[in-house]
PDB file of N, CA and C in Angstrom:
ATOM      1  N   UNK A   1      93.639 120.875  93.947  1.00  0.00           N
ATOM      2  CA  UNK A   1      93.404 121.339  95.291  1.00  0.00           C
ATOM      3  C   UNK A   1      94.458 122.394  95.625  1.00  0.00           C
ATOM      4  N   UNK A   2      93.995 123.483  96.194  1.00  0.00           N
ATOM      5  CA  UNK A   2      94.913 124.531  96.625  1.00  0.00           C
ATOM      6  C   UNK A   2      95.366 124.271  98.052  1.00  0.00           C
ATOM      7  N   UNK A   3      96.674 124.364  98.263  1.00  0.00           N
ATOM      8  CA  UNK A   3      97.313 124.076  99.547  1.00  0.00           C
ATOM      9  C   UNK A   3      98.183 125.262  99.960  1.00  0.00           C
ATOM     10  N   UNK A   4      98.098 125.620 101.221  1.00  0.00           N
ATOM     11  CA  UNK A   4      99.065 126.563 101.788  1.00  0.00           C
ATOM     12  C   UNK A   4     100.016 125.724 102.637  1.00  0.00           C
ATOM     13  N   UNK A   5     101.304 125.873 102.394  1.00  0.00           N
ATOM     14  CA  UNK A   5     102.295 125.037 103.053  1.00  0.00           C
ATOM     15  C   UNK A   5     102.321 125.262 104.559  1.00  0.00           C
ATOM     16  N   UNK A   6     102.902 124.295 105.246  1.00  0.00           N
ATOM     17  CA  UNK A   6     103.001 124.332 106.697  1.00  0.00           C
ATOM     18  C   UNK A   6     103.690 125.599 107.199  1.00  0.00           C
ATOM     19  N   UNK A   7     104.715 126.056 106.470  1.00  0.00           N
ATOM     20  CA  UNK A   7     105.423 127.276 106.878  1.00  0.00           C
ATOM     21  C   UNK A   7     104.706 128.549 106.451  1.00  0.00           C
ATOM     22  N   UNK A   8     103.583 128.387 105.760  1.00  0.00           N
ATOM     23  CA  UNK A   8     102.707 129.474 105.306  1.00  0.00           C
ATOM     24  C   UNK A   8     103.339 130.381 104.265  1.00  0.00           C
ATOM     25  N   UNK A   9     104.435 129.936 103.655  1.00  0.00           N
ATOM     26  CA  UNK A   9     105.152 130.773 102.688  1.00  0.00           C
ATOM     27  C   UNK A   9     104.772 130.498 101.245  1.00  0.00           C
ATOM     28  N   UNK A  10     104.031 129.402 100.979  1.00  0.00           N
ATOM     29  CA  UNK A  10     103.685 129.067  99.605  1.00  0.00           C
ATOM     30  C   UNK A  10     102.214 128.672  99.510  1.00  0.00           C
ATOM     31  N   UNK A  11     101.612 129.040  98.403  1.00  0.00           N
ATOM     32  CA  UNK A  11     100.257 128.647  98.046  1.00  0.00           C
ATOM     33  C   UNK A  11     100.369 127.952  96.699  1.00  0.00           C
ATOM     34  N   UNK A  12     100.010 126.652  96.655  1.00  0.00           N
ATOM     35  CA  UNK A  12     100.234 125.861  95.446  1.00  0.00           C
ATOM     36  C   UNK A  12      99.001 125.051  95.089  1.00  0.00           C
ATOM     37  N   UNK A  13      98.837 124.820  93.787  1.00  0.00           N
ATOM     38  CA  UNK A  13      97.788 123.919  93.342  1.00  0.00           C
ATOM     39  C   UNK A  13      98.407 122.536  93.190  1.00  0.00           C
ATOM     40  N   UNK A  14      97.942 121.608  94.005  1.00  0.00           N
ATOM     41  CA  UNK A  14      98.525 120.270  94.080  1.00  0.00           C
ATOM     42  C   UNK A  14      97.540 119.265  93.466  1.00  0.00           C
ATOM     43  N   UNK A  15      98.096 118.328  92.679  1.00  0.00           N
ATOM     44  CA  UNK A  15      97.250 117.310  92.056  1.00  0.00           C
ATOM     45  C   UNK A  15      97.304 115.966  92.756  1.00  0.00           C
ATOM     46  N   UNK A  16      98.385 115.679  93.491  1.00  0.00           N
ATOM     47  CA  UNK A  16      98.477 114.429  94.251  1.00  0.00           C
ATOM     48  C   UNK A  16      99.454 114.594  95.409  1.00  0.00           C
ATOM     49  N   UNK A  17      99.330 113.711  96.395  1.00  0.00           N
ATOM     50  CA  UNK A  17     100.159 113.775  97.599  1.00  0.00           C
ATOM     51  C   UNK A  17     100.809 112.433  97.854  1.00  0.00           C
ATOM     52  N   UNK A  18     101.954 112.471  98.528  1.00  0.00           N
ATOM     53  CA  UNK A  18     102.615 111.248  98.975  1.00  0.00           C
ATOM     54  C   UNK A  18     103.454 111.553 100.202  1.00  0.00           C
ATOM     55  N   UNK A  19     103.899 110.499 100.859  1.00  0.00           N
ATOM     56  CA  UNK A  19     104.763 110.614 102.031  1.00  0.00           C
ATOM     57  C   UNK A  19     106.143 110.140 101.640  1.00  0.00           C
ATOM     58  N   UNK A  20     107.146 110.855 102.112  1.00  0.00           N
ATOM     59  CA  UNK A  20     108.531 110.483 101.816  1.00  0.00           C
ATOM     60  C   UNK A  20     109.397 110.752 103.042  1.00  0.00           C
ATOM     61  N   UNK A  21     110.577 110.157 103.060  1.00  0.00           N
ATOM     62  CA  UNK A  21     111.545 110.429 104.120  1.00  0.00           C
ATOM     63  C   UNK A  21     112.185 111.785 103.866  1.00  0.00           C
ATOM     64  N   UNK A  22     112.502 112.486 104.934  1.00  0.00           N
ATOM     65  CA  UNK A  22     113.225 113.762 104.852  1.00  0.00           C
ATOM     66  C   UNK A  22     114.576 113.560 105.522  1.00  0.00           C
ATOM     67  N   UNK A  23     115.625 113.510 104.727  1.00  0.00           N
ATOM     68  CA  UNK A  23     116.957 113.240 105.248  1.00  0.00           C
ATOM     69  C   UNK A  23     117.657 114.542 105.624  1.00  0.00           C
ATOM     70  N   UNK A  24     118.419 114.509 106.719  1.00  0.00           N
ATOM     71  CA  UNK A  24     119.244 115.648 107.083  1.00  0.00           C
ATOM     72  C   UNK A  24     118.625 116.646 108.042  1.00  0.00           C
ATOM     73  N   UNK A  25     117.507 116.315 108.639  1.00  0.00           N
ATOM     74  CA  UNK A  25     116.884 117.236 109.575  1.00  0.00           C
ATOM     75  C   UNK A  25     116.259 116.498 110.745  1.00  0.00           C
ATOM     76  N   UNK A  26     115.768 117.228 111.728  1.00  0.00           N
ATOM     77  CA  UNK A  26     115.108 116.620 112.878  1.00  0.00           C
ATOM     78  C   UNK A  26     113.744 116.070 112.517  1.00  0.00           C
ATOM     79  N   UNK A  27     113.098 116.702 111.545  1.00  0.00           N
ATOM     80  CA  UNK A  27     111.792 116.238 111.067  1.00  0.00           C
ATOM     81  C   UNK A  27     112.029 115.231 109.957  1.00  0.00           C
ATOM     82  N   UNK A  28     111.757 113.956 110.238  1.00  0.00           N
ATOM     83  CA  UNK A  28     112.204 112.846 109.399  1.00  0.00           C
ATOM     84  C   UNK A  28     111.257 112.458 108.267  1.00  0.00           C
ATOM     85  N   UNK A  29     110.041 112.976 108.276  1.00  0.00           N
ATOM     86  CA  UNK A  29     109.073 112.599 107.246  1.00  0.00           C
ATOM     87  C   UNK A  29     108.435 113.849 106.654  1.00  0.00           C
ATOM     88  N   UNK A  30     107.964 113.723 105.412  1.00  0.00           N
ATOM     89  CA  UNK A  30     107.365 114.864 104.716  1.00  0.00           C
ATOM     90  C   UNK A  30     106.148 114.428 103.914  1.00  0.00           C
ATOM     91  N   UNK A  31     105.156 115.313 103.862  1.00  0.00           N
ATOM     92  CA  UNK A  31     104.092 115.190 102.872  1.00  0.00           C
ATOM     93  C   UNK A  31     104.541 116.030 101.693  1.00  0.00           C
ATOM     94  N   UNK A  32     104.593 115.402 100.518  1.00  0.00           N
ATOM     95  CA  UNK A  32     104.981 116.123  99.308  1.00  0.00           C
ATOM     96  C   UNK A  32     103.804 116.135  98.352  1.00  0.00           C
ATOM     97  N   UNK A  33     103.728 117.176  97.553  1.00  0.00           N
ATOM     98  CA  UNK A  33     102.654 117.310  96.586  1.00  0.00           C
ATOM     99  C   UNK A  33     103.190 117.540  95.198  1.00  0.00           C
ATOM    100  N   UNK A  34     102.459 117.049  94.204  1.00  0.00           N
ATOM    101  CA  UNK A  34     102.796 117.286  92.798  1.00  0.00           C
ATOM    102  C   UNK A  34     102.073 118.543  92.343  1.00  0.00           C
ATOM    103  N   UNK A  35     102.834 119.495  91.836  1.00  0.00           N
ATOM    104  CA  UNK A  35     102.265 120.774  91.410  1.00  0.00           C
ATOM    105  C   UNK A  35     101.620 120.618  90.037  1.00  0.00           C
ATOM    106  N   UNK A  36     100.408 121.111  89.905  1.00  0.00           N
ATOM    107  CA  UNK A  36      99.671 121.064  88.647  1.00  0.00           C
ATOM    108  C   UNK A  36     100.427 121.844  87.577  1.00  0.00           C
ATOM    109  N   UNK A  37     100.616 121.234  86.408  1.00  0.00           N
ATOM    110  CA  UNK A  37     101.212 121.922  85.267  1.00  0.00           C
ATOM    111  C   UNK A  37     102.721 122.033  85.282  1.00  0.00           C
ATOM    112  N   UNK A  38     103.393 121.516  86.313  1.00  0.00           N
ATOM    113  CA  UNK A  38     104.856 121.626  86.379  1.00  0.00           C
ATOM    114  C   UNK A  38     105.500 120.478  85.609  1.00  0.00           C
ATOM    115  N   UNK A  39     106.747 120.678  85.200  1.00  0.00           N
ATOM    116  CA  UNK A  39     107.463 119.609  84.495  1.00  0.00           C
ATOM    117  C   UNK A  39     107.766 118.479  85.464  1.00  0.00           C
ATOM    118  N   UNK A  40     108.037 117.303  84.928  1.00  0.00           N
ATOM    119  CA  UNK A  40     108.304 116.124  85.747  1.00  0.00           C
ATOM    120  C   UNK A  40     109.508 116.309  86.653  1.00  0.00           C
ATOM    121  N   UNK A  41     110.431 117.171  86.267  1.00  0.00           N
ATOM    122  CA  UNK A  41     111.662 117.351  87.035  1.00  0.00           C
ATOM    123  C   UNK A  41     111.496 118.321  88.203  1.00  0.00           C
ATOM    124  N   UNK A  42     110.462 119.126  88.194  1.00  0.00           N
ATOM    125  CA  UNK A  42     110.315 120.138  89.250  1.00  0.00           C
ATOM    126  C   UNK A  42     108.934 120.142  89.881  1.00  0.00           C
ATOM    127  N   UNK A  43     108.203 119.038  89.763  1.00  0.00           N
ATOM    128  CA  UNK A  43     106.816 119.086  90.199  1.00  0.00           C
ATOM    129  C   UNK A  43     106.588 118.688  91.659  1.00  0.00           C
ATOM    130  N   UNK A  44     107.555 118.087  92.346  1.00  0.00           N
ATOM    131  CA  UNK A  44     107.341 117.680  93.731  1.00  0.00           C
ATOM    132  C   UNK A  44     107.817 118.750  94.701  1.00  0.00           C
ATOM    133  N   UNK A  45     106.928 119.140  95.615  1.00  0.00           N
ATOM    134  CA  UNK A  45     107.254 120.154  96.614  1.00  0.00           C
ATOM    135  C   UNK A  45     106.821 119.670  97.990  1.00  0.00           C
ATOM    136  N   UNK A  46     107.632 119.957  98.998  1.00  0.00           N
ATOM    137  CA  UNK A  46     107.279 119.627 100.374  1.00  0.00           C
ATOM    138  C   UNK A  46     106.201 120.599 100.847  1.00  0.00           C
ATOM    139  N   UNK A  47     105.121 120.046 101.377  1.00  0.00           N
ATOM    140  CA  UNK A  47     104.057 120.896 101.920  1.00  0.00           C
ATOM    141  C   UNK A  47     104.033 120.863 103.446  1.00  0.00           C
ATOM    142  N   UNK A  48     104.663 119.838 104.056  1.00  0.00           N
ATOM    143  CA  UNK A  48     104.728 119.761 105.517  1.00  0.00           C
ATOM    144  C   UNK A  48     105.770 118.758 105.972  1.00  0.00           C
ATOM    145  N   UNK A  49     106.409 119.038 107.111  1.00  0.00           N
ATOM    146  CA  UNK A  49     107.419 118.167 107.696  1.00  0.00           C
ATOM    147  C   UNK A  49     106.977 117.715 109.090  1.00  0.00           C
ATOM    148  N   UNK A  50     107.321 116.448 109.434  1.00  0.00           N
ATOM    149  CA  UNK A  50     106.841 115.856 110.685  1.00  0.00           C
ATOM    150  C   UNK A  50     107.914 114.975 111.308  1.00  0.00           C
ATOM    151  N   UNK A  51     107.818 114.790 112.646  1.00  0.00           N
ATOM    152  CA  UNK A  51     108.795 113.997 113.381  1.00  0.00           C
ATOM    153  C   UNK A  51     108.665 112.508 113.108  1.00  0.00           C
ATOM    154  N   UNK A  52     107.427 112.036 112.995  1.00  0.00           N
ATOM    155  CA  UNK A  52     107.196 110.590 112.855  1.00  0.00           C
ATOM    156  C   UNK A  52     106.349 110.288 111.615  1.00  0.00           C
ATOM    157  N   UNK A  53     106.432 109.044 111.202  1.00  0.00           N
ATOM    158  CA  UNK A  53     105.606 108.612 110.077  1.00  0.00           C
ATOM    159  C   UNK A  53     104.122 108.662 110.459  1.00  0.00           C
ATOM    160  N   UNK A  54     103.808 108.344 111.716  1.00  0.00           N
ATOM    161  CA  UNK A  54     102.404 108.395 112.161  1.00  0.00           C
ATOM    162  C   UNK A  54     101.826 109.806 112.063  1.00  0.00           C
ATOM    163  N   UNK A  55     102.592 110.817 112.483  1.00  0.00           N
ATOM    164  CA  UNK A  55     102.132 112.207 112.358  1.00  0.00           C
ATOM    165  C   UNK A  55     101.890 112.570 110.901  1.00  0.00           C
ATOM    166  N   UNK A  56     102.771 112.079 110.041  1.00  0.00           N
ATOM    167  CA  UNK A  56     102.656 112.363 108.608  1.00  0.00           C
ATOM    168  C   UNK A  56     101.415 111.712 108.033  1.00  0.00           C
ATOM    169  N   UNK A  57     101.166 110.466 108.417  1.00  0.00           N
ATOM    170  CA  UNK A  57      99.959 109.763 107.965  1.00  0.00           C
ATOM    171  C   UNK A  57      98.694 110.456 108.468  1.00  0.00           C
ATOM    172  N   UNK A  58      98.732 110.974 109.693  1.00  0.00           N
ATOM    173  CA  UNK A  58      97.570 111.679 110.233  1.00  0.00           C
ATOM    174  C   UNK A  58      97.255 112.923 109.398  1.00  0.00           C
ATOM    175  N   UNK A  59      98.292 113.651 109.004  1.00  0.00           N
ATOM    176  CA  UNK A  59      98.058 114.847 108.173  1.00  0.00           C
ATOM    177  C   UNK A  59      97.486 114.439 106.811  1.00  0.00           C
ATOM    178  N   UNK A  60      98.010 113.370 106.232  1.00  0.00           N
ATOM    179  CA  UNK A  60      97.481 112.893 104.949  1.00  0.00           C
ATOM    180  C   UNK A  60      96.017 112.470 105.098  1.00  0.00           C
ATOM    181  N   UNK A  61      95.666 111.859 106.223  1.00  0.00           N
ATOM    182  CA  UNK A  61      94.261 111.500 106.496  1.00  0.00           C
ATOM    183  C   UNK A  61      93.373 112.740 106.553  1.00  0.00           C
ATOM    184  N   UNK A  62      93.862 113.811 107.184  1.00  0.00           N
ATOM    185  CA  UNK A  62      93.092 115.059 107.283  1.00  0.00           C
ATOM    186  C   UNK A  62      92.895 115.670 105.902  1.00  0.00           C
ATOM    187  N   UNK A  63      93.931 115.632 105.077  1.00  0.00           N
ATOM    188  CA  UNK A  63      93.810 116.147 103.703  1.00  0.00           C
ATOM    189  C   UNK A  63      92.762 115.340 102.947  1.00  0.00           C
ATOM    190  N   UNK A  64      92.774 114.012 103.108  1.00  0.00           N
ATOM    191  CA  UNK A  64      91.786 113.164 102.440  1.00  0.00           C
ATOM    192  C   UNK A  64      90.373 113.529 102.876  1.00  0.00           C
ATOM    193  N   UNK A  65      90.159 113.702 104.162  1.00  0.00           N
ATOM    194  CA  UNK A  65      88.820 114.063 104.656  1.00  0.00           C
ATOM    195  C   UNK A  65      88.385 115.420 104.113  1.00  0.00           C
ATOM    196  N   UNK A  66      89.318 116.357 104.014  1.00  0.00           N
ATOM    197  CA  UNK A  66      89.028 117.674 103.448  1.00  0.00           C
ATOM    198  C   UNK A  66      88.543 117.531 102.002  1.00  0.00           C
ATOM    199  N   UNK A  67      89.222 116.688 101.231  1.00  0.00           N
ATOM    200  CA  UNK A  67      88.831 116.458  99.835  1.00  0.00           C
ATOM    201  C   UNK A  67      87.463 115.795  99.750  1.00  0.00           C
ATOM    202  N   UNK A  68      87.201 114.852 100.634  1.00  0.00           N
ATOM    203  CA  UNK A  68      85.935 114.118 100.608  1.00  0.00           C
ATOM    204  C   UNK A  68      84.730 115.004 100.903  1.00  0.00           C
ATOM    205  N   UNK A  69      84.941 116.106 101.593  1.00  0.00           N
ATOM    206  CA  UNK A  69      83.820 117.009 101.888  1.00  0.00           C
ATOM    207  C   UNK A  69      83.415 117.844 100.681  1.00  0.00           C
ATOM    208  N   UNK A  70      84.269 117.847  99.639  1.00  0.00           N
ATOM    209  CA  UNK A  70      83.987 118.651  98.462  1.00  0.00           C
ATOM    210  C   UNK A  70      84.360 120.116  98.635  1.00  0.00           C
ATOM    211  N   UNK A  71      85.073 120.418  99.707  1.00  0.00           N
ATOM    212  CA  UNK A  71      85.493 121.799  99.974  1.00  0.00           C
ATOM    213  C   UNK A  71      86.410 122.298  98.862  1.00  0.00           C
ATOM    214  N   UNK A  72      86.190 123.510  98.401  1.00  0.00           N
ATOM    215  CA  UNK A  72      87.013 124.081  97.330  1.00  0.00           C
ATOM    216  C   UNK A  72      87.930 125.197  97.813  1.00  0.00           C
ATOM    217  N   UNK A  73      87.908 125.460  99.122  1.00  0.00           N
ATOM    218  CA  UNK A  73      88.783 126.487  99.671  1.00  0.00           C
ATOM    219  C   UNK A  73      90.218 126.005  99.798  1.00  0.00           C
ATOM    220  N   UNK A  74      91.097 126.911 100.178  1.00  0.00           N
ATOM    221  CA  UNK A  74      92.508 126.583 100.366  1.00  0.00           C
ATOM    222  C   UNK A  74      92.658 125.786 101.665  1.00  0.00           C
ATOM    223  N   UNK A  75      93.411 124.690 101.607  1.00  0.00           N
ATOM    224  CA  UNK A  75      93.689 123.881 102.789  1.00  0.00           C
ATOM    225  C   UNK A  75      95.010 124.327 103.400  1.00  0.00           C
ATOM    226  N   UNK A  76      95.020 124.605 104.702  1.00  0.00           N
ATOM    227  CA  UNK A  76      96.240 124.983 105.423  1.00  0.00           C
ATOM    228  C   UNK A  76      96.826 123.737 106.059  1.00  0.00           C
ATOM    229  N   UNK A  77      98.033 123.362 105.660  1.00  0.00           N
ATOM    230  CA  UNK A  77      98.714 122.200 106.218  1.00  0.00           C
ATOM    231  C   UNK A  77      99.094 122.485 107.666  1.00  0.00           C
ATOM    232  N   UNK A  78      98.866 121.496 108.547  1.00  0.00           N
ATOM    233  CA  UNK A  78      99.210 121.643 109.974  1.00  0.00           C
ATOM    234  C   UNK A  78     100.608 121.129 110.238  1.00  0.00           C
TER     235      UNK A  78
END
């Protein structure tokens, strides 16, 4: 799946997503994606940052619905 990051600065092909804590900033949670074809040491990239875990889960839900539609276009993270 092609993703454009929340800051609109990166376009990446992501194979899986997860939620993680983001330490050291006001935005405490992140959706991270595994980049297709990258080595195990450099494959996780932040695609979006959020204030709460609920906001982060909502974004992950939207990504899931986008995938379920069979859409092949680039998804813009909110």
